[in-house]
Amino acid sequence: MATENLSFAAQVSEWAKSELERSEAVFQTAAQEVANEVRTPVAEGGRMPLKTGNLRRSLMASTSDMPRIQEGKTTFSDSGIEMIIAGAELGSTIYLGFQAAYAARMNYGFVGTDSLGRSFNQTGYGFVDAVAQRWPQIVIQAEATVRGRFEGA
């Protein structure tokens, strides 16, 4: 149906619905980019240390609360982050968190003796902090990506 055949109220309603869809797409695209960037290995230009991939796989997404550390769990499988983000509605919160007990040590570093009696003098990789600092740029990039999808349609 051509826009000129719609009433003014219908045009405004159609525009508002389209803008809401765009905003939700920007929200989801930006959140997915954060999840992707925080898991990008050092060898691929990111800051995530990659030995077995377990730390990467321990990243979980939730729309209800922050994912918790899984003490004692040593092996993680991919958790379907993409599906959680794709299902998130505008106005909700997407929580991303690493479940591996050693995630904080890998991000922030650790000097001293841990609870198991092991000594560390480990520099952190800052993979979470680096991506968090880029949030404004990530949202701008997501907006440009979404604009291109909507305008190209």
N, C-alpha and C. Protein backbone atom coordinates (compact mmCIF):
# COMPACT_ATOMS: atom_id res chain seq x y z
N MET A 1 0.85 -1.17 0.00
CA MET A 1 0.00 0.00 0.00
C MET A 1 0.89 1.23 0.00
N ALA A 2 0.61 2.16 -0.88
CA ALA A 2 1.42 3.37 -0.99
C ALA A 2 1.17 4.28 0.20
N THR A 3 2.22 4.95 0.65
CA THR A 3 2.14 5.82 1.81
C THR A 3 1.15 6.96 1.59
N GLU A 4 1.07 7.46 0.35
CA GLU A 4 0.17 8.60 0.09
C GLU A 4 -1.29 8.22 0.25
N ASN A 5 -1.64 6.95 0.21
CA ASN A 5 -3.03 6.50 0.37
C ASN A 5 -3.39 6.29 1.84
N LEU A 6 -2.44 6.37 2.74
CA LEU A 6 -2.70 6.18 4.16
C LEU A 6 -3.07 7.51 4.81
N SER A 7 -3.88 7.45 5.84
CA SER A 7 -4.20 8.65 6.60
C SER A 7 -2.93 9.09 7.34
N PHE A 8 -2.93 10.32 7.79
CA PHE A 8 -1.77 10.83 8.53
C PHE A 8 -1.50 9.97 9.76
N ALA A 9 -2.55 9.63 10.49
CA ALA A 9 -2.40 8.81 11.70
C ALA A 9 -1.81 7.44 11.35
N ALA A 10 -2.24 6.86 10.25
CA ALA A 10 -1.71 5.57 9.84
C ALA A 10 -0.24 5.69 9.43
N GLN A 11 0.12 6.80 8.78
CA GLN A 11 1.52 7.02 8.41
C GLN A 11 2.41 7.15 9.65
N VAL A 12 1.94 7.89 10.63
CA VAL A 12 2.69 8.06 11.87
C VAL A 12 2.84 6.71 12.58
N SER A 13 1.76 5.96 12.61
CA SER A 13 1.79 4.64 13.25
C SER A 13 2.77 3.71 12.54
N GLU A 14 2.76 3.72 11.23
CA GLU A 14 3.69 2.88 10.45
C GLU A 14 5.14 3.31 10.70
N TRP A 15 5.37 4.62 10.72
CA TRP A 15 6.72 5.14 10.99
C TRP A 15 7.19 4.73 12.38
N ALA A 16 6.31 4.88 13.39
CA ALA A 16 6.67 4.54 14.77
C ALA A 16 7.00 3.05 14.89
N LYS A 17 6.22 2.21 14.24
CA LYS A 17 6.49 0.77 14.28
C LYS A 17 7.83 0.45 13.64
N SER A 18 8.12 1.09 12.54
CA SER A 18 9.39 0.88 11.85
C SER A 18 10.56 1.34 12.71
N GLU A 19 10.42 2.48 13.37
CA GLU A 19 11.49 2.99 14.24
C GLU A 19 11.71 2.09 15.45
N LEU A 20 10.64 1.53 15.98
CA LEU A 20 10.76 0.60 17.11
C LEU A 20 11.52 -0.66 16.67
N GLU A 21 11.20 -1.15 15.49
CA GLU A 21 11.90 -2.32 14.96
C GLU A 21 13.39 -2.01 14.73
N ARG A 22 13.69 -0.84 14.23
CA ARG A 22 15.08 -0.44 14.02
C ARG A 22 15.82 -0.34 15.35
N SER A 23 15.18 0.28 16.33
CA SER A 23 15.81 0.43 17.64
C SER A 23 16.11 -0.92 18.27
N GLU A 24 15.17 -1.84 18.18
CA GLU A 24 15.38 -3.18 18.72
C GLU A 24 16.51 -3.89 17.98
N ALA A 25 16.57 -3.69 16.67
CA ALA A 25 17.64 -4.30 15.88
C ALA A 25 19.01 -3.72 16.26
N VAL A 26 19.08 -2.43 16.53
CA VAL A 26 20.34 -1.81 16.96
C VAL A 26 20.75 -2.39 18.31
N PHE A 27 19.81 -2.50 19.23
CA PHE A 27 20.06 -3.07 20.56
C PHE A 27 20.62 -4.49 20.44
N GLN A 28 19.98 -5.32 19.65
CA GLN A 28 20.41 -6.71 19.50
C GLN A 28 21.75 -6.81 18.76
N THR A 29 21.93 -6.01 17.73
CA THR A 29 23.18 -6.03 16.96
C THR A 29 24.36 -5.59 17.82
N ALA A 30 24.16 -4.55 18.61
CA ALA A 30 25.24 -4.06 19.49
C ALA A 30 25.58 -5.11 20.55
N ALA A 31 24.58 -5.73 21.14
CA ALA A 31 24.83 -6.76 22.15
C ALA A 31 25.57 -7.95 21.55
N GLN A 32 25.20 -8.35 20.34
CA GLN A 32 25.88 -9.48 19.70
C GLN A 32 27.33 -9.12 19.38
N GLU A 33 27.57 -7.88 18.99
CA GLU A 33 28.94 -7.45 18.71
C GLU A 33 29.79 -7.47 19.97
N VAL A 34 29.22 -7.08 21.10
CA VAL A 34 29.95 -7.15 22.37
C VAL A 34 30.33 -8.61 22.64
N ALA A 35 29.38 -9.52 22.50
CA ALA A 35 29.65 -10.95 22.73
C ALA A 35 30.73 -11.45 21.78
N ASN A 36 30.68 -11.03 20.54
CA ASN A 36 31.69 -11.46 19.56
C ASN A 36 33.07 -10.90 19.89
N GLU A 37 33.13 -9.60 20.18
CA GLU A 37 34.42 -8.95 20.45
C GLU A 37 35.08 -9.47 21.71
N VAL A 38 34.31 -9.68 22.77
CA VAL A 38 34.90 -10.11 24.03
C VAL A 38 35.50 -11.52 23.89
N ARG A 39 35.01 -12.28 22.92
CA ARG A 39 35.52 -13.65 22.69
C ARG A 39 36.55 -13.72 21.56
N THR A 40 36.94 -12.59 20.97
CA THR A 40 37.90 -12.62 19.88
C THR A 40 39.30 -12.92 20.42
N PRO A 41 39.92 -14.00 19.92
CA PRO A 41 41.24 -14.40 20.43
C PRO A 41 42.34 -13.39 20.08
N VAL A 42 43.37 -13.40 20.89
CA VAL A 42 44.54 -12.55 20.67
C VAL A 42 45.08 -12.74 19.25
N ALA A 43 45.16 -13.99 18.79
CA ALA A 43 45.70 -14.29 17.47
C ALA A 43 44.88 -13.68 16.33
N GLU A 44 43.61 -13.30 16.63
CA GLU A 44 42.75 -12.70 15.61
C GLU A 44 42.54 -11.21 15.86
N GLY A 45 43.40 -10.62 16.69
CA GLY A 45 43.32 -9.19 16.95
C GLY A 45 42.54 -8.80 18.19
N GLY A 46 42.01 -9.77 18.91
CA GLY A 46 41.27 -9.48 20.13
C GLY A 46 42.17 -9.57 21.35
N ARG A 47 41.55 -9.70 22.50
CA ARG A 47 42.31 -9.76 23.75
C ARG A 47 42.05 -11.04 24.54
N MET A 48 41.22 -11.91 24.01
CA MET A 48 40.89 -13.16 24.70
C MET A 48 42.03 -14.16 24.55
N PRO A 49 42.60 -14.62 25.68
CA PRO A 49 43.61 -15.68 25.57
C PRO A 49 42.92 -16.97 25.15
N LEU A 50 43.55 -17.71 24.28
CA LEU A 50 42.92 -18.93 23.78
C LEU A 50 43.91 -20.09 23.88
N LYS A 51 43.58 -21.00 24.75
CA LYS A 51 44.39 -22.20 24.90
C LYS A 51 43.55 -23.41 24.48
N THR A 52 42.45 -23.64 25.18
CA THR A 52 41.55 -24.76 24.86
C THR A 52 40.22 -24.28 24.30
N GLY A 53 39.90 -23.01 24.48
CA GLY A 53 38.60 -22.47 24.07
C GLY A 53 37.55 -22.55 25.16
N ASN A 54 37.91 -23.13 26.29
CA ASN A 54 36.94 -23.30 27.37
C ASN A 54 36.46 -21.96 27.94
N LEU A 55 37.37 -21.02 28.13
CA LEU A 55 36.99 -19.71 28.65
C LEU A 55 36.01 -19.04 27.69
N ARG A 56 36.31 -19.09 26.41
CA ARG A 56 35.40 -18.53 25.40
C ARG A 56 34.01 -19.15 25.49
N ARG A 57 33.97 -20.47 25.59
CA ARG A 57 32.69 -21.18 25.64
C ARG A 57 31.92 -20.93 26.93
N SER A 58 32.61 -20.43 27.97
CA SER A 58 31.93 -20.21 29.24
C SER A 58 31.12 -18.91 29.26
N LEU A 59 31.20 -18.10 28.20
CA LEU A 59 30.39 -16.88 28.15
C LEU A 59 28.93 -17.28 27.96
N MET A 60 28.08 -16.70 28.80
CA MET A 60 26.66 -17.00 28.75
C MET A 60 25.88 -15.69 28.69
N ALA A 61 24.72 -15.74 28.05
CA ALA A 61 23.82 -14.58 27.99
C ALA A 61 22.53 -14.92 28.72
N SER A 62 21.92 -13.89 29.30
CA SER A 62 20.65 -14.06 29.99
C SER A 62 19.90 -12.73 29.93
N THR A 63 18.59 -12.81 29.94
CA THR A 63 17.78 -11.59 30.04
C THR A 63 17.14 -11.47 31.42
N SER A 64 17.45 -12.42 32.32
CA SER A 64 16.85 -12.37 33.66
C SER A 64 17.83 -11.97 34.75
N ASP A 65 19.08 -12.46 34.69
CA ASP A 65 20.08 -12.06 35.67
C ASP A 65 21.48 -12.40 35.18
N MET A 66 22.46 -11.87 35.89
CA MET A 66 23.85 -12.08 35.49
C MET A 66 24.22 -13.56 35.63
N PRO A 67 24.79 -14.15 34.58
CA PRO A 67 25.26 -15.54 34.69
C PRO A 67 26.26 -15.68 35.83
N ARG A 68 26.20 -16.79 36.51
CA ARG A 68 27.03 -17.03 37.70
C ARG A 68 28.25 -17.88 37.37
N ILE A 69 29.30 -17.66 38.15
CA ILE A 69 30.50 -18.50 38.08
C ILE A 69 30.10 -19.92 38.45
N GLN A 70 30.57 -20.89 37.71
CA GLN A 70 30.30 -22.30 37.99
C GLN A 70 31.54 -22.90 38.64
N GLU A 71 31.64 -22.77 39.95
CA GLU A 71 32.79 -23.28 40.68
C GLU A 71 32.93 -24.78 40.43
N GLY A 72 34.15 -25.20 40.18
CA GLY A 72 34.43 -26.62 40.01
C GLY A 72 34.14 -27.16 38.63
N LYS A 73 33.34 -26.45 37.85
CA LYS A 73 33.05 -26.93 36.50
C LYS A 73 34.25 -26.60 35.61
N THR A 74 34.74 -27.59 34.91
CA THR A 74 35.96 -27.38 34.14
C THR A 74 35.74 -27.36 32.64
N THR A 75 34.61 -27.86 32.16
CA THR A 75 34.37 -27.90 30.72
C THR A 75 33.03 -27.25 30.40
N PHE A 76 33.06 -26.33 29.45
CA PHE A 76 31.85 -25.63 29.04
C PHE A 76 31.59 -25.89 27.57
N SER A 77 30.32 -25.82 27.20
CA SER A 77 29.95 -25.92 25.79
C SER A 77 29.25 -24.62 25.42
N ASP A 78 29.19 -24.32 24.13
CA ASP A 78 28.54 -23.08 23.70
C ASP A 78 27.12 -23.04 24.26
N SER A 79 26.70 -21.85 24.67
CA SER A 79 25.44 -21.72 25.40
C SER A 79 24.30 -21.09 24.61
N GLY A 80 24.45 -20.88 23.33
CA GLY A 80 23.36 -20.31 22.54
C GLY A 80 23.16 -18.82 22.76
N ILE A 81 24.25 -18.11 22.95
CA ILE A 81 24.19 -16.66 23.19
C ILE A 81 23.39 -15.95 22.10
N GLU A 82 23.61 -16.35 20.86
CA GLU A 82 22.95 -15.69 19.73
C GLU A 82 21.43 -15.75 19.86
N MET A 83 20.90 -16.88 20.32
CA MET A 83 19.45 -17.04 20.46
C MET A 83 18.89 -16.14 21.57
N ILE A 84 19.61 -16.03 22.66
CA ILE A 84 19.18 -15.17 23.77
C ILE A 84 19.13 -13.72 23.30
N ILE A 85 20.18 -13.29 22.62
CA ILE A 85 20.25 -11.90 22.15
C ILE A 85 19.17 -11.63 21.11
N ALA A 86 18.99 -12.55 20.18
CA ALA A 86 17.99 -12.36 19.13
C ALA A 86 16.57 -12.29 19.70
N GLY A 87 16.34 -12.92 20.83
CA GLY A 87 15.02 -12.91 21.44
C GLY A 87 14.79 -11.78 22.43
N ALA A 88 15.83 -10.99 22.69
CA ALA A 88 15.71 -9.91 23.67
C ALA A 88 14.90 -8.76 23.09
N GLU A 89 14.00 -8.25 23.89
CA GLU A 89 13.16 -7.14 23.46
C GLU A 89 13.75 -5.81 23.87
N LEU A 90 13.48 -4.80 23.09
CA LEU A 90 13.94 -3.45 23.41
C LEU A 90 13.42 -3.07 24.79
N GLY A 91 14.30 -2.53 25.61
CA GLY A 91 13.93 -2.15 26.97
C GLY A 91 14.34 -3.18 28.00
N SER A 92 14.65 -4.39 27.53
CA SER A 92 15.12 -5.42 28.46
C SER A 92 16.63 -5.25 28.65
N THR A 93 17.18 -6.04 29.53
CA THR A 93 18.62 -6.03 29.78
C THR A 93 19.19 -7.35 29.33
N ILE A 94 20.31 -7.30 28.64
CA ILE A 94 21.03 -8.52 28.27
C ILE A 94 22.27 -8.58 29.15
N TYR A 95 22.34 -9.63 29.93
CA TYR A 95 23.50 -9.85 30.80
C TYR A 95 24.44 -10.83 30.11
N LEU A 96 25.71 -10.46 30.03
CA LEU A 96 26.75 -11.35 29.51
C LEU A 96 27.75 -11.60 30.62
N GLY A 97 28.05 -12.87 30.87
CA GLY A 97 29.00 -13.18 31.93
C GLY A 97 29.72 -14.48 31.66
N PHE A 98 30.95 -14.53 32.09
CA PHE A 98 31.75 -15.75 31.96
C PHE A 98 31.48 -16.64 33.16
N GLN A 99 31.29 -17.92 32.92
CA GLN A 99 31.00 -18.88 33.98
C GLN A 99 32.26 -19.56 34.51
N ALA A 100 33.34 -19.55 33.76
CA ALA A 100 34.57 -20.20 34.21
C ALA A 100 35.10 -19.47 35.44
N ALA A 101 35.47 -20.24 36.45
CA ALA A 101 35.94 -19.66 37.72
C ALA A 101 37.20 -18.82 37.55
N TYR A 102 37.98 -19.08 36.52
CA TYR A 102 39.24 -18.37 36.31
C TYR A 102 39.09 -17.16 35.37
N ALA A 103 37.88 -16.84 34.97
CA ALA A 103 37.66 -15.74 34.02
C ALA A 103 38.16 -14.41 34.56
N ALA A 104 37.86 -14.10 35.81
CA ALA A 104 38.30 -12.81 36.38
C ALA A 104 39.82 -12.73 36.42
N ARG A 105 40.45 -13.83 36.78
CA ARG A 105 41.92 -13.85 36.83
C ARG A 105 42.51 -13.61 35.44
N MET A 106 41.89 -14.18 34.43
CA MET A 106 42.39 -13.99 33.06
C MET A 106 42.15 -12.55 32.59
N ASN A 107 41.05 -11.94 33.00
CA ASN A 107 40.76 -10.57 32.59
C ASN A 107 41.58 -9.55 33.38
N TYR A 108 41.60 -9.66 34.70
CA TYR A 108 42.24 -8.66 35.54
C TYR A 108 43.68 -8.98 35.95
N GLY A 109 44.05 -10.25 35.84
CA GLY A 109 45.36 -10.68 36.32
C GLY A 109 45.28 -11.07 37.78
N PHE A 110 46.33 -11.69 38.28
CA PHE A 110 46.34 -12.12 39.68
C PHE A 110 47.78 -12.32 40.12
N VAL A 111 48.11 -11.74 41.26
CA VAL A 111 49.42 -11.94 41.87
C VAL A 111 49.17 -12.44 43.29
N GLY A 112 49.75 -13.59 43.59
CA GLY A 112 49.60 -14.15 44.93
C GLY A 112 49.30 -15.64 44.87
N THR A 113 48.83 -16.14 45.99
CA THR A 113 48.50 -17.55 46.11
C THR A 113 46.99 -17.71 46.13
N ASP A 114 46.48 -18.60 45.29
CA ASP A 114 45.04 -18.80 45.24
C ASP A 114 44.58 -19.77 46.33
N SER A 115 43.28 -20.04 46.36
CA SER A 115 42.70 -20.88 47.41
C SER A 115 43.19 -22.33 47.33
N LEU A 116 43.76 -22.72 46.21
CA LEU A 116 44.29 -24.08 46.07
C LEU A 116 45.79 -24.14 46.38
N GLY A 117 46.35 -23.01 46.79
CA GLY A 117 47.76 -22.98 47.15
C GLY A 117 48.71 -22.76 45.98
N ARG A 118 48.18 -22.44 44.82
CA ARG A 118 49.02 -22.19 43.64
C ARG A 118 49.45 -20.73 43.62
N SER A 119 50.68 -20.49 43.23
CA SER A 119 51.20 -19.12 43.16
C SER A 119 51.11 -18.61 41.72
N PHE A 120 50.67 -17.36 41.60
CA PHE A 120 50.52 -16.73 40.29
C PHE A 120 51.16 -15.35 40.30
N ASN A 121 51.70 -14.99 39.18
CA ASN A 121 52.12 -13.63 38.90
C ASN A 121 51.68 -13.40 37.45
N GLN A 122 50.39 -13.23 37.29
CA GLN A 122 49.79 -13.25 35.96
C GLN A 122 49.21 -11.88 35.61
N THR A 123 49.62 -11.38 34.47
CA THR A 123 49.07 -10.13 33.96
C THR A 123 47.73 -10.43 33.31
N GLY A 124 46.78 -9.54 33.52
CA GLY A 124 45.45 -9.72 32.92
C GLY A 124 45.44 -9.32 31.45
N TYR A 125 44.48 -9.86 30.73
CA TYR A 125 44.34 -9.57 29.31
C TYR A 125 43.37 -8.41 29.04
N GLY A 126 42.51 -8.09 29.99
CA GLY A 126 41.60 -6.96 29.84
C GLY A 126 40.57 -7.11 28.73
N PHE A 127 40.19 -8.33 28.41
CA PHE A 127 39.27 -8.54 27.28
C PHE A 127 37.88 -7.99 27.56
N VAL A 128 37.41 -8.02 28.80
CA VAL A 128 36.10 -7.47 29.12
C VAL A 128 36.17 -5.94 29.13
N ASP A 129 37.16 -5.40 29.81
CA ASP A 129 37.29 -3.95 29.95
C ASP A 129 37.45 -3.26 28.59
N ALA A 130 38.24 -3.85 27.71
CA ALA A 130 38.49 -3.24 26.40
C ALA A 130 37.20 -3.12 25.59
N VAL A 131 36.38 -4.14 25.65
CA VAL A 131 35.12 -4.11 24.90
C VAL A 131 34.13 -3.16 25.57
N ALA A 132 34.07 -3.17 26.89
CA ALA A 132 33.17 -2.26 27.60
C ALA A 132 33.49 -0.80 27.28
N GLN A 133 34.76 -0.48 27.16
CA GLN A 133 35.15 0.90 26.83
C GLN A 133 34.73 1.29 25.42
N ARG A 134 34.55 0.30 24.56
CA ARG A 134 34.15 0.57 23.18
C ARG A 134 32.63 0.64 22.98
N TRP A 135 31.86 0.49 24.05
CA TRP A 135 30.40 0.44 23.91
C TRP A 135 29.83 1.58 23.05
N PRO A 136 30.19 2.85 23.27
CA PRO A 136 29.62 3.91 22.42
C PRO A 136 29.90 3.69 20.92
N GLN A 137 31.12 3.27 20.58
CA GLN A 137 31.46 3.01 19.18
C GLN A 137 30.71 1.80 18.64
N ILE A 138 30.54 0.79 19.49
CA ILE A 138 29.81 -0.42 19.06
C ILE A 138 28.36 -0.06 18.72
N VAL A 139 27.73 0.78 19.52
CA VAL A 139 26.35 1.18 19.25
C VAL A 139 26.28 1.99 17.96
N ILE A 140 27.23 2.88 17.73
CA ILE A 140 27.25 3.67 16.49
C ILE A 140 27.40 2.75 15.28
N GLN A 141 28.30 1.76 15.39
CA GLN A 141 28.47 0.80 14.29
C GLN A 141 27.21 -0.02 14.07
N ALA A 142 26.56 -0.42 15.15
CA ALA A 142 25.33 -1.22 15.04
C ALA A 142 24.23 -0.40 14.37
N GLU A 143 24.14 0.87 14.72
CA GLU A 143 23.13 1.74 14.12
C GLU A 143 23.36 1.86 12.62
N ALA A 144 24.62 2.02 12.21
CA ALA A 144 24.94 2.12 10.78
C ALA A 144 24.62 0.82 10.06
N THR A 145 24.93 -0.30 10.68
CA THR A 145 24.63 -1.61 10.08
C THR A 145 23.13 -1.78 9.90
N VAL A 146 22.37 -1.47 10.94
CA VAL A 146 20.91 -1.63 10.88
C VAL A 146 20.31 -0.67 9.87
N ARG A 147 20.78 0.57 9.85
CA ARG A 147 20.28 1.54 8.88
C ARG A 147 20.45 1.01 7.47
N GLY A 148 21.64 0.42 7.21
CA GLY A 148 21.90 -0.14 5.89
C GLY A 148 20.95 -1.28 5.55
N ARG A 149 20.62 -2.10 6.52
CA ARG A 149 19.69 -3.22 6.27
C ARG A 149 18.29 -2.70 6.00
N PHE A 150 17.83 -1.70 6.78
CA PHE A 150 16.47 -1.20 6.62
C PHE A 150 16.34 -0.36 5.35
N GLU A 151 17.35 0.42 5.02
CA GLU A 151 17.28 1.27 3.84
C GLU A 151 17.49 0.47 2.57
N GLY A 152 18.20 -0.64 2.68
CA GLY A 152 18.42 -1.50 1.52
C GLY A 152 17.24 -2.40 1.22
N ALA A 153 16.31 -2.49 2.18
CA ALA A 153 15.15 -3.39 2.02
C ALA A 153 14.09 -2.78 1.14
